[in-house]
Protein backbone atom coordinates (compact mmCIF):
# COMPACT_ATOMS: atom_id res chain seq x y z
CA MET A 1 -11.17 212.95 67.43
CA GLN A 2 -14.27 212.13 69.29
CA ILE A 3 -13.31 214.87 72.03
CA HIS A 4 -12.60 217.31 69.57
CA LEU A 5 -16.00 216.80 67.93
CA LYS A 6 -17.71 217.03 71.29
CA THR A 7 -15.89 220.22 72.00
CA LEU A 8 -17.37 221.90 69.08
CA ALA A 9 -20.94 220.35 69.46
CA ALA A 10 -20.73 221.96 72.58
CA THR A 11 -19.33 224.94 71.58
CA LEU A 12 -22.02 225.28 68.53
CA LEU A 13 -24.90 224.53 71.09
CA ALA A 14 -23.62 227.37 73.21
CA CYS A 15 -23.39 229.88 70.42
CA CYS A 16 -26.65 228.76 69.09
CA SER A 17 -28.52 229.08 72.34
CA ALA A 18 -27.05 232.53 73.04
CA VAL A 19 -28.26 233.89 69.60
CA ALA A 20 -31.36 232.13 70.19
CA SER A 21 -31.76 233.60 73.48
CA ALA A 22 -30.97 237.38 72.06
CA HIS A 23 -33.60 236.91 69.25
CA SER A 24 -36.17 235.91 72.23
CA ALA A 25 -35.15 238.95 74.31
CA ASP A 26 -35.34 241.30 71.48
CA THR A 27 -38.98 239.58 70.44
CA VAL A 28 -40.14 240.19 73.97
CA ASP A 29 -38.55 243.74 74.31
CA ARG A 30 -40.62 244.91 71.28
CA LEU A 31 -43.55 243.03 72.60
CA PHE A 32 -43.30 244.65 76.31
CA ASP A 33 -42.93 248.35 74.81
CA ARG A 34 -46.26 247.71 72.93
CA ALA A 35 -48.04 245.92 75.87
CA ALA A 36 -46.92 248.67 77.99
CA GLN A 37 -49.06 251.00 76.08
CA ARG A 38 -52.03 249.00 76.44
CA ASP A 39 -51.63 247.04 72.97
CA VAL A 40 -53.99 243.83 73.62
CA SER A 41 -52.56 242.02 70.48
CA ALA A 42 -48.83 242.58 71.97
CA TRP A 43 -50.08 241.84 75.39
CA ASN A 44 -51.37 238.46 74.20
CA ASP A 45 -48.59 237.47 72.22
CA LEU A 46 -46.38 238.01 75.29
CA LEU A 47 -48.61 236.00 77.54
CA LYS A 48 -48.11 233.14 74.69
CA LEU A 49 -44.36 233.20 75.11
CA ALA A 50 -44.71 233.08 78.61
CA ALA A 51 -46.67 230.19 78.74
CA GLN A 52 -44.31 228.15 76.51
CA PRO A 53 -42.63 229.07 78.90
CA ASP A 54 -39.99 231.55 77.85
CA PRO A 55 -38.09 233.02 81.07
CA ASP A 56 -37.58 236.35 79.46
CA ALA A 57 -41.21 236.67 78.71
CA LEU A 58 -42.18 235.55 82.27
CA VAL A 59 -40.15 238.25 83.75
CA ALA A 60 -41.39 241.21 81.29
CA VAL A 61 -45.03 239.72 82.26
CA GLY A 62 -44.04 239.90 85.82
CA PHE A 63 -42.57 243.55 85.47
CA LEU A 64 -45.73 244.82 83.67
CA ARG A 65 -48.27 242.95 86.31
CA GLU A 66 -46.07 244.29 89.50
CA HIS A 67 -46.42 247.97 88.36
CA GLY A 68 -49.39 248.04 86.60
CA LEU A 69 -48.07 248.82 83.28
CA GLY A 70 -50.42 248.22 80.31
CA THR A 71 -52.67 245.96 82.60
CA ASP A 72 -54.20 246.09 86.13
CA ARG A 73 -51.71 245.90 88.85
CA ASP A 74 -51.68 242.22 90.37
CA VAL A 75 -48.24 241.76 92.27
CA GLY A 76 -49.21 238.17 93.61
CA LEU A 77 -49.55 237.36 89.80
CA ALA A 78 -46.14 239.13 89.15
CA VAL A 79 -44.71 237.02 92.03
CA ALA A 80 -45.95 233.59 90.04
CA ASN A 81 -44.52 235.09 86.76
CA HIS A 82 -41.07 235.58 88.03
CA ALA A 83 -41.10 232.23 90.09
CA ARG A 84 -42.29 230.37 87.02
CA ALA A 85 -39.20 231.89 85.04
CA CYS A 86 -36.80 230.93 88.14
CA GLU A 87 -38.19 227.08 87.97
CA ILE A 88 -37.07 226.78 84.33
CA ASP A 89 -33.25 226.94 85.13
CA GLY A 90 -32.40 229.53 87.91
CA THR A 91 -30.85 232.20 85.53
CA ARG A 92 -34.10 234.65 85.58
CA GLY A 93 -36.77 235.54 88.00
CA CYS A 94 -35.49 234.05 91.11
CA ALA A 95 -34.07 237.21 92.90
CA GLN A 96 -37.07 239.10 91.67
CA ALA A 97 -39.32 236.43 93.35
CA ALA A 98 -37.22 236.31 96.41
CA TYR A 99 -37.59 240.03 96.78
CA PHE A 100 -41.15 240.29 96.82
CA HIS A 101 -41.28 237.54 100.09
CA GLU A 102 -37.91 239.28 102.06
CA PHE A 103 -39.58 242.47 101.74
CA GLY A 104 -43.44 241.73 102.09
CA ILE A 105 -43.96 243.40 98.53
CA GLY A 106 -47.65 242.46 97.68
CA VAL A 107 -47.14 239.62 99.58
CA PRO A 108 -46.81 238.53 103.18
CA MET A 109 -43.43 238.72 104.68
CA ASP A 110 -41.62 235.08 104.26
CA ALA A 111 -38.02 234.88 104.93
CA ALA A 112 -37.78 231.06 104.71
CA GLN A 113 -39.39 231.34 101.47
CA ALA A 114 -37.24 234.18 100.27
CA GLU A 115 -34.31 231.93 100.87
CA ARG A 116 -35.48 229.18 99.02
CA TYR A 117 -35.77 231.23 95.76
CA VAL A 118 -32.29 232.78 96.49
CA ARG A 119 -30.89 229.07 96.57
CA GLN A 120 -32.25 228.71 93.33
CA ILE A 121 -30.32 230.98 91.59
CA SER A 122 -28.17 229.42 89.16
CA LYS A 123 -24.23 229.69 90.37
CA ASP A 124 -23.03 228.41 87.00
CA GLY A 125 -20.24 230.64 85.62
CA VAL A 126 -20.42 232.82 88.39
CA ALA A 127 -16.59 233.09 89.86
CA ASP A 128 -17.57 234.69 93.48
CA VAL A 129 -21.19 233.51 94.84
CA GLU A 130 -20.68 235.22 98.00
CA LEU A 131 -20.06 238.58 95.98
CA LEU A 132 -23.56 237.68 94.21
CA GLU A 133 -25.50 237.51 97.49
CA ARG A 134 -23.98 240.87 98.44
CA ARG A 135 -24.76 242.50 95.51
CA ARG A 136 -28.30 240.91 95.46
CA ARG A 137 -29.11 242.21 99.14
CA ILE A 138 -27.63 245.63 98.29
CA VAL A 139 -29.63 246.14 94.90
CA TYR A 140 -32.97 244.76 96.53
CA LYS A 141 -32.71 246.39 99.71
CA GLY A 142 -32.65 249.65 97.53
CA LEU A 143 -35.28 248.91 95.46
CA ALA A 144 -37.66 248.40 98.73
CA GLU A 145 -36.60 251.60 99.91
CA ALA A 146 -36.91 253.25 96.81
CA GLU A 147 -40.59 252.04 96.93
CA GLU A 148 -41.43 254.51 99.33
CA ASP A 149 -38.70 257.12 99.26
CA VAL A 150 -38.17 258.47 95.56
CA GLU A 151 -35.18 260.28 96.40
CA MET A 152 -33.41 256.47 96.66
CA ARG A 153 -34.35 255.88 92.80
CA LEU A 154 -31.37 257.71 91.40
CA PRO A 155 -28.89 256.00 93.64
CA VAL A 156 -30.23 252.73 92.79
CA ILE A 157 -29.93 253.16 88.82
CA GLU A 158 -26.61 254.81 89.28
CA TYR A 159 -25.44 251.53 91.39
CA LEU A 160 -27.01 249.47 88.81
CA ASP A 161 -25.16 251.27 86.15
CA ARG A 162 -21.76 250.55 87.63
CA PHE A 163 -22.22 246.82 87.28
CA VAL A 164 -24.20 246.92 83.98
CA GLY A 165 -22.51 249.50 81.88
CA SER A 166 -18.79 249.35 81.10
CA ALA A 167 -18.03 246.74 84.05
CA SER A 168 -16.67 243.42 83.12
CA SER A 169 -18.45 240.51 81.36
CA ASP A 170 -18.40 238.69 84.75
CA ASP A 171 -20.01 241.78 86.59
CA ARG A 172 -22.41 241.78 83.70
CA ASN A 173 -23.46 237.83 84.13
CA LEU A 174 -23.49 238.33 87.95
CA MET A 175 -25.93 240.92 87.67
CA GLU A 176 -28.20 239.04 85.28
CA ARG A 177 -28.50 236.49 87.59
CA ILE A 178 -29.84 238.89 90.47
CA GLY A 179 -32.23 240.16 87.64
CA PHE A 180 -30.63 243.03 86.30
CA GLY A 181 -29.46 243.04 82.85
CA ARG A 182 -28.97 246.19 80.67
CA ARG A 183 -32.80 245.51 79.77
CA ASP A 184 -33.99 245.23 83.01
CA VAL A 185 -32.15 248.31 84.55
CA LEU A 186 -33.47 250.06 81.28
CA ARG A 187 -37.14 249.10 82.05
CA LEU A 188 -36.92 250.19 85.59
CA ALA A 189 -35.24 253.27 85.00
CA ARG A 190 -38.07 254.12 82.23
CA PHE A 191 -40.62 253.37 84.45
CA TRP A 192 -39.34 255.45 87.44
CA ALA A 193 -38.74 258.28 84.56
CA ASP A 194 -42.50 258.22 83.34
CA GLN A 195 -43.85 258.07 86.96
CA ASP A 196 -42.05 261.16 88.44
CA ASN A 197 -40.73 262.95 85.51
CA ASP A 198 -37.29 263.39 87.42
CA PRO A 199 -34.77 265.25 84.97
CA GLU A 200 -31.89 263.42 85.93
CA MET A 201 -33.71 259.83 85.46
CA LEU A 202 -35.08 260.76 82.18
CA GLN A 203 -31.27 261.53 81.33
CA TRP A 204 -30.45 258.19 82.36
CA VAL A 205 -32.84 256.40 80.24
CA GLY A 206 -31.43 258.56 77.15
CA THR A 207 -28.30 257.32 78.07
CA PHE A 208 -29.19 253.75 78.61
CA TYR A 209 -30.96 254.09 74.79
CA ASN A 210 -27.55 255.52 73.38
CA ARG A 211 -25.52 252.72 74.88
CA GLY A 212 -27.86 250.09 72.95
CA TYR A 213 -29.48 248.61 76.23
CA ALA A 214 -32.69 248.10 74.41
CA GLY A 215 -31.26 246.57 71.26
CA VAL A 216 -33.20 248.50 68.52
CA GLU A 217 -32.31 250.03 65.49
CA ASP A 218 -33.65 253.65 66.34
CA LYS A 219 -31.45 253.79 69.59
CA ASP A 220 -30.17 257.42 68.62
CA ALA A 221 -33.76 258.58 67.86
CA LEU A 222 -35.02 257.08 71.20
CA ALA A 223 -32.11 258.83 73.29
CA LEU A 224 -32.76 261.98 71.92
CA LYS A 225 -36.26 261.48 72.55
CA TRP A 226 -35.49 260.91 76.34
CA TRP A 227 -32.71 263.43 76.70
CA ARG A 228 -35.07 266.12 75.30
CA ARG A 229 -37.66 265.44 77.88
CA ALA A 230 -35.05 265.73 80.30
CA ALA A 231 -33.68 268.82 78.73
CA ASP A 232 -37.02 270.47 78.68
CA ALA A 233 -37.17 269.69 82.21
CA GLY A 234 -34.07 271.89 83.03
CA GLU A 235 -31.49 268.86 83.22
CA PRO A 236 -27.91 270.39 82.01
CA SER A 237 -26.22 267.48 80.79
CA SER A 238 -29.21 266.73 78.16
CA GLN A 239 -29.14 270.25 77.34
CA ASN A 240 -25.48 270.14 76.49
CA LEU A 241 -26.21 266.80 74.68
CA LEU A 242 -28.93 268.61 72.25
CA GLY A 243 -26.43 271.12 71.64
CA GLN A 244 -24.15 268.75 70.22
CA ALA A 245 -26.64 267.18 68.33
CA TYR A 246 -27.58 270.32 66.73
CA LEU A 247 -23.58 271.47 66.39
CA GLU A 248 -22.81 268.32 64.67
CA GLY A 249 -25.88 266.91 63.03
CA ARG A 250 -25.96 263.71 65.08
CA TRP A 251 -28.43 261.31 66.25
CA GLY A 252 -30.77 261.84 63.51
CA THR A 253 -30.81 265.64 63.89
CA ASP A 254 -30.34 268.29 60.97
CA ARG A 255 -27.28 270.59 61.79
CA GLU A 256 -28.86 273.66 63.31
CA PRO A 257 -25.88 275.78 64.70
CA GLN A 258 -28.07 278.50 66.21
CA GLN A 259 -30.30 275.93 68.12
CA ALA A 260 -27.12 274.76 69.30
CA VAL A 261 -25.98 277.72 70.82
CA ALA A 262 -29.09 277.96 72.36
CA TRP A 263 -28.85 274.73 74.09
CA PHE A 264 -25.67 275.09 75.18
CA GLU A 265 -26.12 278.78 76.92
CA ARG A 266 -29.14 277.06 78.95
CA ALA A 267 -26.76 274.13 80.22
CA ALA A 268 -23.95 276.83 80.65
CA ALA A 269 -26.15 278.85 82.57
CA GLN A 270 -26.56 276.17 85.23
CA GLY A 271 -22.76 275.73 85.68
CA ASP A 272 -22.10 272.54 83.22
CA ARG A 273 -18.85 272.38 82.42
CA ASP A 274 -18.66 270.80 79.11
CA ALA A 275 -21.21 273.24 78.10
CA LEU A 276 -19.11 275.97 79.32
CA MET A 277 -16.30 274.50 76.95
CA ASN A 278 -18.87 273.94 73.89
CA LEU A 279 -19.96 277.68 74.28
CA GLY A 280 -16.61 278.96 74.92
CA GLU A 281 -14.98 277.09 71.56
CA ILE A 282 -18.09 278.32 69.44
CA PHE A 283 -17.08 282.12 70.93
CA TYR A 284 -13.15 281.25 70.62
CA LEU A 285 -13.34 279.62 66.89
CA GLY A 286 -15.87 282.21 65.65
CA GLN A 287 -17.17 279.94 63.00
CA ILE A 288 -20.83 280.17 63.89
CA VAL A 289 -21.04 283.32 65.89
CA PRO A 290 -18.30 286.12 65.37
CA VAL A 291 -15.38 285.90 67.74
CA ASP A 292 -15.85 287.27 70.79
CA TYR A 293 -12.57 286.82 72.78
CA PRO A 294 -13.83 288.09 76.12
CA ARG A 295 -16.70 286.18 76.41
CA ALA A 296 -15.05 282.92 75.49
CA LEU A 297 -12.36 283.88 78.23
CA ALA A 298 -14.85 284.24 80.77
CA LEU A 299 -16.53 280.54 79.67
CA PHE A 300 -13.24 278.60 80.00
CA GLU A 301 -12.43 280.36 83.42
CA ARG A 302 -15.58 279.45 84.70
CA ALA A 303 -15.24 275.76 83.00
CA MET A 304 -11.81 275.78 84.97
CA GLU A 305 -13.44 276.33 88.13
CA GLU A 306 -15.92 273.14 87.32
CA GLN A 307 -12.52 271.21 86.79
CA SER A 308 -12.53 271.02 83.15
CA SER A 309 -9.73 269.17 81.62
CA ARG A 310 -10.09 271.25 78.48
CA ALA A 311 -9.85 274.53 79.72
CA PRO A 312 -6.41 274.90 80.42
CA ARG A 313 -5.23 274.51 76.61
CA TYR A 314 -7.55 277.12 75.43
CA LEU A 315 -6.58 279.84 78.33
CA SER A 316 -2.95 279.14 77.65
CA TRP A 317 -3.38 279.72 74.36
CA MET A 318 -5.45 282.89 74.81
CA TYR A 319 -2.68 284.26 77.40
CA TYR A 320 -0.08 283.23 74.77
CA ASN A 321 -1.51 285.06 71.96
CA GLY A 322 -3.05 288.04 73.79
CA GLN A 323 -6.62 287.09 72.79
CA GLY A 324 -9.39 289.00 74.92
CA VAL A 325 -6.81 289.57 77.41
CA ALA A 326 -3.27 291.10 77.49
CA THR A 327 -0.46 288.76 76.47
CA ASP A 328 1.30 286.72 79.90
CA CYS A 329 3.92 284.74 78.99
CA PRO A 330 4.74 283.15 82.26
CA LYS A 331 0.46 282.30 82.71
CA ALA A 332 0.24 280.87 79.50
CA LEU A 333 3.08 278.50 80.74
CA GLN A 334 1.17 277.57 84.06
CA TYR A 335 -1.61 276.59 82.03
CA ARG A 336 0.17 274.46 79.43
CA GLN A 337 1.76 272.80 82.06
CA LEU A 338 -1.31 272.11 83.89
CA GLN A 339 -2.95 270.77 80.72
CA ARG A 340 -0.03 268.40 80.19
CA GLY A 341 0.05 267.35 83.56
CA GLN A 342 3.74 268.31 83.48
CA ARG A 343 6.45 268.71 86.12
CA PRO A 344 8.38 271.78 85.05
CA ASP A 345 10.66 271.02 82.81
CA PRO A 346 13.41 274.12 82.76
CA ALA A 347 14.65 273.71 79.39
CA ASP A 348 11.02 273.46 77.76
CA ALA A 349 10.14 276.42 79.98
CA SER A 350 12.71 278.70 78.59
CA GLU A 351 12.07 277.57 74.96
CA PHE A 352 8.11 278.07 75.62
CA LEU A 353 8.99 281.79 76.76
CA SER A 354 11.29 282.74 74.33
CA ARG A 355 8.88 281.66 71.75
CA CYS A 356 6.03 283.76 73.46
CA HIS A 357 8.04 287.10 73.93
CA ALA A 358 9.02 286.77 70.25
CA ASP A 359 5.88 286.18 68.86
CA GLN A 360 4.44 288.85 71.23
CA LYS A 361 7.29 291.21 69.81
CA SER A 362 6.15 290.09 65.93
CA ARG A 363 2.31 290.48 66.34
CA GLY A 364 3.40 294.20 67.63
CA THR A 365 4.45 295.19 63.95
CA ALA A 366 2.25 292.66 62.12
CA GLY A 367 -0.05 295.32 61.11
CA LEU A 368 2.49 297.73 59.41
CA SER A 369 2.13 295.33 56.41
CA PRO A 370 -1.08 292.98 55.67
CA PRO A 371 -1.09 289.22 55.31
CA GLY A 372 -1.77 287.35 52.00
CA LEU A 373 -4.15 284.50 52.20
CA ARG A 374 -4.40 281.73 49.79
CA LEU A 375 -7.52 279.37 49.27
CA GLU A 376 -7.73 276.36 47.93
CA HIS A 377 -9.78 273.18 47.77
CA ALA A 378 -7.57 270.60 49.30
CA SER A 379 -9.81 266.93 49.12
CA THR A 380 -13.42 265.85 49.15
CA PHE A 381 -15.02 263.23 51.72
CA HIS A 382 -17.72 261.15 50.06
CA GLY A 383 -20.61 259.92 52.56
CA GLY A 384 -20.97 260.49 56.24
CA ARG A 385 -23.33 261.89 58.67
CA ASP A 386 -25.39 258.61 58.59
CA GLY A 387 -25.87 259.03 54.70
CA ARG A 388 -27.25 262.60 55.16
CA VAL A 389 -25.03 264.19 53.21
CA ALA A 390 -23.22 263.15 49.75
CA CYS A 391 -19.54 264.66 50.47
CA GLU A 392 -17.70 267.02 52.35
CA PRO A 393 -15.12 269.02 49.93
CA GLN A 394 -12.34 270.37 52.49
CA PHE A 395 -11.19 274.07 51.80
CA VAL A 396 -7.95 275.15 53.21
CA VAL A 397 -7.00 278.46 53.53
CA THR A 398 -2.98 279.96 54.57
CA THR A 399 -1.59 283.42 55.51
CA ASP A 400 1.91 283.85 54.74
CA LYS A 401 2.98 285.82 57.68
CA LEU A 402 2.31 286.37 61.55
CA GLY A 403 -0.57 288.14 62.36
CA GLU A 404 -4.09 287.20 63.52
CA VAL A 405 -6.79 286.50 60.70
CA ALA A 406 -10.26 285.97 62.59
CA ASN A 407 -13.82 286.16 61.18
CA LEU A 408 -12.91 285.03 58.26
CA ARG A 409 -15.85 284.20 55.85
CA ILE A 410 -15.09 283.38 51.97
CA THR A 411 -18.32 283.06 49.76
CA VAL A 412 -17.72 280.80 46.83
CA THR A 413 -20.02 279.50 44.11
CA LEU A 414 -19.48 275.85 42.90
CA THR A 415 -20.64 274.81 39.59
CA SER A 416 -21.23 271.13 38.55
CA ASP A 417 -20.51 269.31 35.63
CA ARG A 418 -23.71 269.51 34.43
CA GLY A 419 -23.90 273.42 34.75
CA GLY A 420 -25.50 273.89 38.16
CA THR A 421 -24.20 276.03 40.58
CA THR A 422 -24.42 276.74 44.35
CA ARG A 423 -23.30 279.12 46.64
CA ARG A 424 -21.67 278.78 49.83
CA THR A 425 -20.11 280.78 52.41
CA LEU A 426 -16.91 278.99 54.17
CA ALA A 427 -16.06 280.11 57.88
CA PHE A 428 -12.62 279.61 58.85
CA SER A 429 -11.18 279.44 62.74
CA PRO A 430 -8.56 282.03 63.59
CA LEU A 431 -5.00 281.48 61.82
CA GLY A 432 -1.64 283.15 61.95
CA LEU A 433 -1.54 283.77 65.79
CA ASN A 434 1.76 282.31 66.54
CA THR A 435 4.84 280.12 65.43
CA MET A 436 4.40 277.34 68.10
CA LYS A 437 3.62 274.82 65.32
CA GLU A 438 1.00 272.95 67.42
CA GLY A 439 -2.93 273.02 67.49
CA LEU A 440 -5.07 273.35 70.46
CA ASP A 441 -5.05 269.71 70.58
CA GLY A 442 -1.12 269.97 71.51
CA ARG A 443 -0.63 267.94 68.37
CA GLU A 444 1.59 269.06 65.68
CA ALA A 445 -0.17 271.47 63.42
CA ASP A 446 0.25 274.63 61.06
CA PRO A 447 -0.76 277.67 62.62
CA PHE A 448 -0.70 279.58 59.55
CA ARG A 449 -3.23 277.41 58.15
CA SER A 450 -7.12 276.78 58.81
CA SER A 451 -9.53 274.29 56.80
CA VAL A 452 -13.35 273.67 56.71
CA LEU A 453 -15.31 271.06 55.74
CA LEU A 454 -18.30 271.88 53.49
CA PRO A 455 -21.41 269.75 53.83
CA LEU A 456 -23.06 269.25 50.28
CA GLU A 457 -26.33 267.33 50.17
CA ALA A 458 -26.44 266.93 46.07
CA GLU A 459 -24.03 264.52 44.64
CA GLU A 460 -24.00 266.49 41.45
CA PHE A 461 -21.85 269.21 43.24
CA CYS A 462 -19.12 266.63 44.74
CA ALA A 463 -17.00 266.80 41.60
CA PHE A 464 -17.53 270.63 41.23
CA ARG A 465 -15.29 272.31 38.58
CA PRO A 466 -12.01 273.44 39.86
CA ASP A 467 -11.99 276.95 38.84
CA PHE A 468 -14.90 277.72 41.61
CA ARG A 469 -15.59 281.26 41.90
CA ILE A 470 -14.99 283.56 44.92
CA GLU A 471 -17.79 285.93 45.65
CA SER A 472 -16.67 287.94 48.47
CA ALA A 473 -14.00 287.38 51.36
CA THR A 474 -14.24 289.43 54.82
CA ALA A 475 -12.31 288.71 57.88
CA THR A 476 -10.91 290.62 61.14
CA VAL A 477 -7.22 291.20 60.50
CA ASN A 478 -4.97 292.41 63.52
CA GLY A 479 -8.57 293.78 64.89
CA GLU A 480 -9.50 295.40 61.87
CA PRO A 481 -12.37 294.62 59.70
CA VAL A 482 -11.05 294.14 55.98
CA ASP A 483 -12.63 293.31 52.70
CA LEU A 484 -9.80 290.95 51.47
CA LEU A 485 -10.99 291.20 47.78
CA LYS A 486 -11.10 294.96 47.75
CA ARG A 487 -7.66 294.85 49.00
CA GLY A 488 -6.14 292.20 46.80
CA LEU A 489 -5.18 290.04 50.14
CA LEU A 490 -6.91 286.87 48.71
CA GLU A 491 -5.73 284.48 46.08
CA MET A 492 -7.11 281.23 45.02
CA LYS A 493 -4.44 278.42 44.53
CA ALA A 494 -4.93 276.87 41.15
CA ALA A 495 -5.86 273.17 41.07
CA GLU A 496 -2.83 270.75 40.24
């Protein structure tokens, strides 16, 4: 019983220590950020914590003094701060103190003194001490070179990210012992980004905030701020991320589709494969801009050249359906197998080719009689998008026969129980293309069905009356523009 109680007490003590350490690190982070902006009050509070002594505060003060952030640069005092942190328990500051003496950064080079600090690094919980030392040498050699050569800075950050990002807990623990936990990597990347305004470094800082390295509540807003700086400086992956933010209303932004298109275009012009795909999807689906199959095809082909794993599925679909290109069933099969990573299966290939040729023949006669379309309100999803919408009703449209329906726009008026009205336009992706019974993601799907979510900010309309009114409905049917209401081709499914 005593053994169990001792074990429980030790576990609780370790847990409480970890929680206290996390709270301390969060406090130090907040003070660090303010002190770096020359906030005298924050600087004094950070010094008080360091005097307790708090190892996180000592390391933070050491970093500020080493780089002259928010205070005068004083490497001698920075070394003293790291050395004091090292003396506490060997988990913080030792590797940094060794670095200054090993490479003569701000102090005379002293290999013996550096070695003394290295020996003081706590090895508790470190599974591979030799690995710790190898990584310490690699990191600090790179850091010393980066002092003189700014071209070394990105490789240093990329190396650190390998072992603090999605790495194992053992790897992260090892890196913390040599002075580079997630917060430390973020501080260094942010300092270099501000100093050099390097677009790729700015992008890394945004990524680190997005991953939660800072332990702050507004991480998404901070990530977007840094990505925007990187995007404005011409960094393509950040431009693509801004496009996604505006496309989906993510990371604290409002949904602005035209802004999304503009950012995707800037990134795609530089060959960013994700932006090429995102822009291609926009022109293929035709929900933000009118369908433009030739442009979508060109973008997907460029993305294919950039080794995009998403491109083959769209290219297979376009060659199957004859969208922006003549139907080519063997080529559609080739892209399909490439996307699935399959070895050719004669039976599957034969079935695919047979269906492709049959659909091609049916599409050739589809224009002889127009399809009938039906619209219904299928369900309503409440909340979402970080609380910035009250609900998202799902509208579904179906067609009764093979034949492409694209650029489908249906304007509806919704009436609330209070009598209020709102008019919205629903934009649907193409439907009726084939009989494959699968979606672009390869999963089972109804090719004669398309759905869209309508974001509503006002709670009043979340329970709108079932007899909503269709004001207008247009589409491109088998390549021809059609007013669906005038032609009597659209009906509304009655609520059950």
